[in-house]
Amino acid sequence: MRESCIECAAKHVGSALVLLSEARHGYDDHVILALGELEQAVQETELSHPALSEFIREARKSLTILMPQYLRDTEMNEERGVEAMEVEASLRKRMWSELLGQFVAGDSDGEPDITPGENV
């Protein structure tokens, strides 16, 4: 098992979301790349953020089912597309929440990483 890195997980989730968007615009093969990015995010969070890791894993499993159906079955496009986008939105929201929690809670020295009003 690799060391945890929440920032690395955020990068993988971000890449996955971009790839899923591209898949909806005709690049069907990007679905498999997106699922691989989500698996990387799972591995990056297993040790330090197990609940987030499980959340990402479940999102990946849902998208594994939804995206191929959405892309290939025109009758299900609207319904599956909405479901897939809801999974993506919840993934985006949870990832940002976890990242912002890191900044608000501070790092190991107990001090916030970002001070309100500070130029970042």
C-alpha atoms as a PDB file:
ATOM      1  CA  MET A   1       0.000   0.000   0.000  1.00  0.00           C
ATOM      2  CA  ARG A   2       1.350   3.432  -0.916  1.00  0.00           C
ATOM      3  CA  GLU A   3       1.664   6.431   1.382  1.00  0.00           C
ATOM      4  CA  SER A   4      -1.412   8.642   1.444  1.00  0.00           C
ATOM      5  CA  CYS A   5      -1.465  11.953  -0.382  1.00  0.00           C
ATOM      6  CA  ILE A   6      -4.746  13.873  -0.406  1.00  0.00           C
ATOM      7  CA  GLU A   7      -3.408  16.410  -2.893  1.00  0.00           C
ATOM      8  CA  CYS A   8      -2.378  13.601  -5.244  1.00  0.00           C
ATOM      9  CA  ALA A   9      -5.848  12.067  -4.886  1.00  0.00           C
ATOM     10  CA  ALA A  10      -7.395  15.431  -5.797  1.00  0.00           C
ATOM     11  CA  LYS A  11      -5.217  15.552  -8.923  1.00  0.00           C
ATOM     12  CA  HIS A  12      -6.390  12.057  -9.942  1.00  0.00           C
ATOM     13  CA  VAL A  13     -10.050  12.889  -9.298  1.00  0.00           C
ATOM     14  CA  GLY A  14      -9.688  16.113 -11.290  1.00  0.00           C
ATOM     15  CA  SER A  15      -8.127  14.219 -14.182  1.00  0.00           C
ATOM     16  CA  ALA A  16     -10.927  11.656 -14.049  1.00  0.00           C
ATOM     17  CA  LEU A  17     -13.599  14.352 -14.183  1.00  0.00           C
ATOM     18  CA  VAL A  18     -11.961  15.951 -17.240  1.00  0.00           C
ATOM     19  CA  LEU A  19     -11.705  12.572 -18.959  1.00  0.00           C
ATOM     20  CA  LEU A  20     -15.376  11.799 -18.242  1.00  0.00           C
ATOM     21  CA  SER A  21     -16.357  15.142 -19.737  1.00  0.00           C
ATOM     22  CA  GLU A  22     -14.327  14.323 -22.837  1.00  0.00           C
ATOM     23  CA  ALA A  23     -16.004  10.905 -23.035  1.00  0.00           C
ATOM     24  CA  ARG A  24     -19.383  12.623 -23.217  1.00  0.00           C
ATOM     25  CA  HIS A  25     -18.081  14.633 -26.182  1.00  0.00           C
ATOM     26  CA  GLY A  26     -17.141  11.663 -28.341  1.00  0.00           C
ATOM     27  CA  TYR A  27     -13.951  10.290 -26.822  1.00  0.00           C
ATOM     28  CA  ASP A  28     -15.505   7.055 -25.538  1.00  0.00           C
ATOM     29  CA  ASP A  29     -12.152   5.446 -24.769  1.00  0.00           C
ATOM     30  CA  HIS A  30     -11.506   8.120 -22.125  1.00  0.00           C
ATOM     31  CA  VAL A  31     -13.941   6.351 -19.783  1.00  0.00           C
ATOM     32  CA  ILE A  32     -11.430   3.604 -19.052  1.00  0.00           C
ATOM     33  CA  LEU A  33      -8.699   6.185 -18.448  1.00  0.00           C
ATOM     34  CA  ALA A  34     -10.994   8.044 -16.028  1.00  0.00           C
ATOM     35  CA  LEU A  35     -11.732   4.850 -14.108  1.00  0.00           C
ATOM     36  CA  GLY A  36      -7.993   4.223 -13.825  1.00  0.00           C
ATOM     37  CA  GLU A  37      -7.479   7.729 -12.419  1.00  0.00           C
ATOM     38  CA  LEU A  38     -10.190   7.079  -9.827  1.00  0.00           C
ATOM     39  CA  GLU A  39      -8.479   3.847  -8.789  1.00  0.00           C
ATOM     40  CA  GLN A  40      -5.266   5.808  -8.303  1.00  0.00           C
ATOM     41  CA  ALA A  41      -7.195   8.232  -6.067  1.00  0.00           C
ATOM     42  CA  VAL A  42      -8.517   5.279  -4.049  1.00  0.00           C
ATOM     43  CA  GLN A  43      -4.979   4.055  -3.464  1.00  0.00           C
ATOM     44  CA  GLU A  44      -3.778   7.546  -2.519  1.00  0.00           C
ATOM     45  CA  THR A  45      -6.396   7.833   0.248  1.00  0.00           C
ATOM     46  CA  GLU A  46      -6.622   4.315   1.709  1.00  0.00           C
ATOM     47  CA  LEU A  47      -4.394   4.935   4.726  1.00  0.00           C
ATOM     48  CA  SER A  48      -5.162   8.483   5.818  1.00  0.00           C
ATOM     49  CA  HIS A  49      -8.722   8.971   4.543  1.00  0.00           C
ATOM     50  CA  PRO A  50     -10.428   5.543   4.494  1.00  0.00           C
ATOM     51  CA  ALA A  51     -13.971   6.960   4.286  1.00  0.00           C
ATOM     52  CA  LEU A  52     -13.009   9.123   1.315  1.00  0.00           C
ATOM     53  CA  SER A  53     -11.251   6.156  -0.263  1.00  0.00           C
ATOM     54  CA  GLU A  54     -14.426   4.079   0.026  1.00  0.00           C
ATOM     55  CA  PHE A  55     -16.501   6.972  -1.369  1.00  0.00           C
ATOM     56  CA  ILE A  56     -14.230   7.246  -4.426  1.00  0.00           C
ATOM     57  CA  ARG A  57     -14.277   3.453  -4.857  1.00  0.00           C
ATOM     58  CA  GLU A  58     -18.100   3.430  -4.849  1.00  0.00           C
ATOM     59  CA  ALA A  59     -18.207   6.330  -7.325  1.00  0.00           C
ATOM     60  CA  ARG A  60     -15.818   4.422  -9.613  1.00  0.00           C
ATOM     61  CA  LYS A  61     -17.997   1.323  -9.410  1.00  0.00           C
ATOM     62  CA  SER A  62     -21.122   3.343 -10.242  1.00  0.00           C
ATOM     63  CA  LEU A  63     -19.433   5.047 -13.169  1.00  0.00           C
ATOM     64  CA  THR A  64     -18.153   1.675 -14.412  1.00  0.00           C
ATOM     65  CA  ILE A  65     -21.792   0.685 -14.861  1.00  0.00           C
ATOM     66  CA  LEU A  66     -23.300   4.025 -15.909  1.00  0.00           C
ATOM     67  CA  MET A  67     -20.841   5.462 -18.408  1.00  0.00           C
ATOM     68  CA  PRO A  68     -20.667   2.608 -20.968  1.00  0.00           C
ATOM     69  CA  GLN A  69     -24.474   2.355 -20.979  1.00  0.00           C
ATOM     70  CA  TYR A  70     -24.783   6.107 -21.289  1.00  0.00           C
ATOM     71  CA  LEU A  71     -22.376   6.239 -24.217  1.00  0.00           C
ATOM     72  CA  ARG A  72     -23.750   3.296 -26.209  1.00  0.00           C
ATOM     73  CA  ASP A  73     -27.530   3.208 -25.587  1.00  0.00           C
ATOM     74  CA  THR A  74     -29.254   6.241 -27.077  1.00  0.00           C
ATOM     75  CA  GLU A  75     -32.567   5.456 -25.366  1.00  0.00           C
ATOM     76  CA  MET A  76     -30.888   5.588 -21.970  1.00  0.00           C
ATOM     77  CA  ASN A  77     -28.672   8.571 -22.729  1.00  0.00           C
ATOM     78  CA  GLU A  78     -30.635  11.161 -20.802  1.00  0.00           C
ATOM     79  CA  GLU A  79     -31.343   9.014 -17.726  1.00  0.00           C
ATOM     80  CA  ARG A  80     -27.858   7.482 -17.487  1.00  0.00           C
ATOM     81  CA  GLY A  81     -26.226  10.787 -18.300  1.00  0.00           C
ATOM     82  CA  VAL A  82     -28.012  12.492 -15.424  1.00  0.00           C
ATOM     83  CA  GLU A  83     -27.080   9.659 -13.051  1.00  0.00           C
ATOM     84  CA  ALA A  84     -23.440   9.745 -14.165  1.00  0.00           C
ATOM     85  CA  MET A  85     -23.262  13.519 -13.779  1.00  0.00           C
ATOM     86  CA  GLU A  86     -24.767  13.250 -10.274  1.00  0.00           C
ATOM     87  CA  VAL A  87     -22.033  10.781  -9.315  1.00  0.00           C
ATOM     88  CA  GLU A  88     -19.410  13.128 -10.783  1.00  0.00           C
ATOM     89  CA  ALA A  89     -20.868  16.111  -8.916  1.00  0.00           C
ATOM     90  CA  SER A  90     -20.888  14.268  -5.590  1.00  0.00           C
ATOM     91  CA  LEU A  91     -17.307  13.160  -6.190  1.00  0.00           C
ATOM     92  CA  ARG A  92     -16.242  16.735  -6.963  1.00  0.00           C
ATOM     93  CA  LYS A  93     -18.051  18.105  -3.897  1.00  0.00           C
ATOM     94  CA  ARG A  94     -16.608  15.466  -1.541  1.00  0.00           C
ATOM     95  CA  MET A  95     -13.069  15.940  -2.840  1.00  0.00           C
ATOM     96  CA  TRP A  96     -13.237  19.717  -2.397  1.00  0.00           C
ATOM     97  CA  SER A  97     -14.728  19.284   1.059  1.00  0.00           C
ATOM     98  CA  GLU A  98     -11.869  16.991   2.079  1.00  0.00           C
ATOM     99  CA  LEU A  99      -9.250  19.344   0.651  1.00  0.00           C
ATOM    100  CA  LEU A 100     -10.751  22.421   2.271  1.00  0.00           C
ATOM    101  CA  GLY A 101     -10.977  20.495   5.533  1.00  0.00           C
ATOM    102  CA  GLN A 102      -7.240  19.909   5.305  1.00  0.00           C
ATOM    103  CA  PHE A 103      -6.595  23.624   4.896  1.00  0.00           C
ATOM    104  CA  VAL A 104      -9.004  24.674   7.637  1.00  0.00           C
ATOM    105  CA  ALA A 105      -7.875  22.021  10.117  1.00  0.00           C
ATOM    106  CA  GLY A 106      -4.208  22.745   9.468  1.00  0.00           C
ATOM    107  CA  ASP A 107      -1.344  20.361   9.113  1.00  0.00           C
ATOM    108  CA  SER A 108       0.553  18.332  11.686  1.00  0.00           C
ATOM    109  CA  ASP A 109       1.800  21.414  13.551  1.00  0.00           C
ATOM    110  CA  GLY A 110      -1.813  22.410  14.278  1.00  0.00           C
ATOM    111  CA  GLU A 111      -1.577  25.697  12.397  1.00  0.00           C
ATOM    112  CA  PRO A 112      -3.850  26.465   9.439  1.00  0.00           C
ATOM    113  CA  ASP A 113      -2.145  26.072   6.088  1.00  0.00           C
ATOM    114  CA  ILE A 114      -3.941  29.147   4.735  1.00  0.00           C
ATOM    115  CA  THR A 115      -4.834  32.224   6.744  1.00  0.00           C
ATOM    116  CA  PRO A 116      -7.982  34.101   5.653  1.00  0.00           C
ATOM    117  CA  GLY A 117      -7.002  37.152   3.603  1.00  0.00           C
ATOM    118  CA  GLU A 118      -3.546  35.749   2.921  1.00  0.00           C
ATOM    119  CA  ASN A 119      -2.343  35.849  -0.660  1.00  0.00           C
ATOM    120  CA  VAL A 120      -1.930  32.323  -1.864  1.00  0.00           C
END
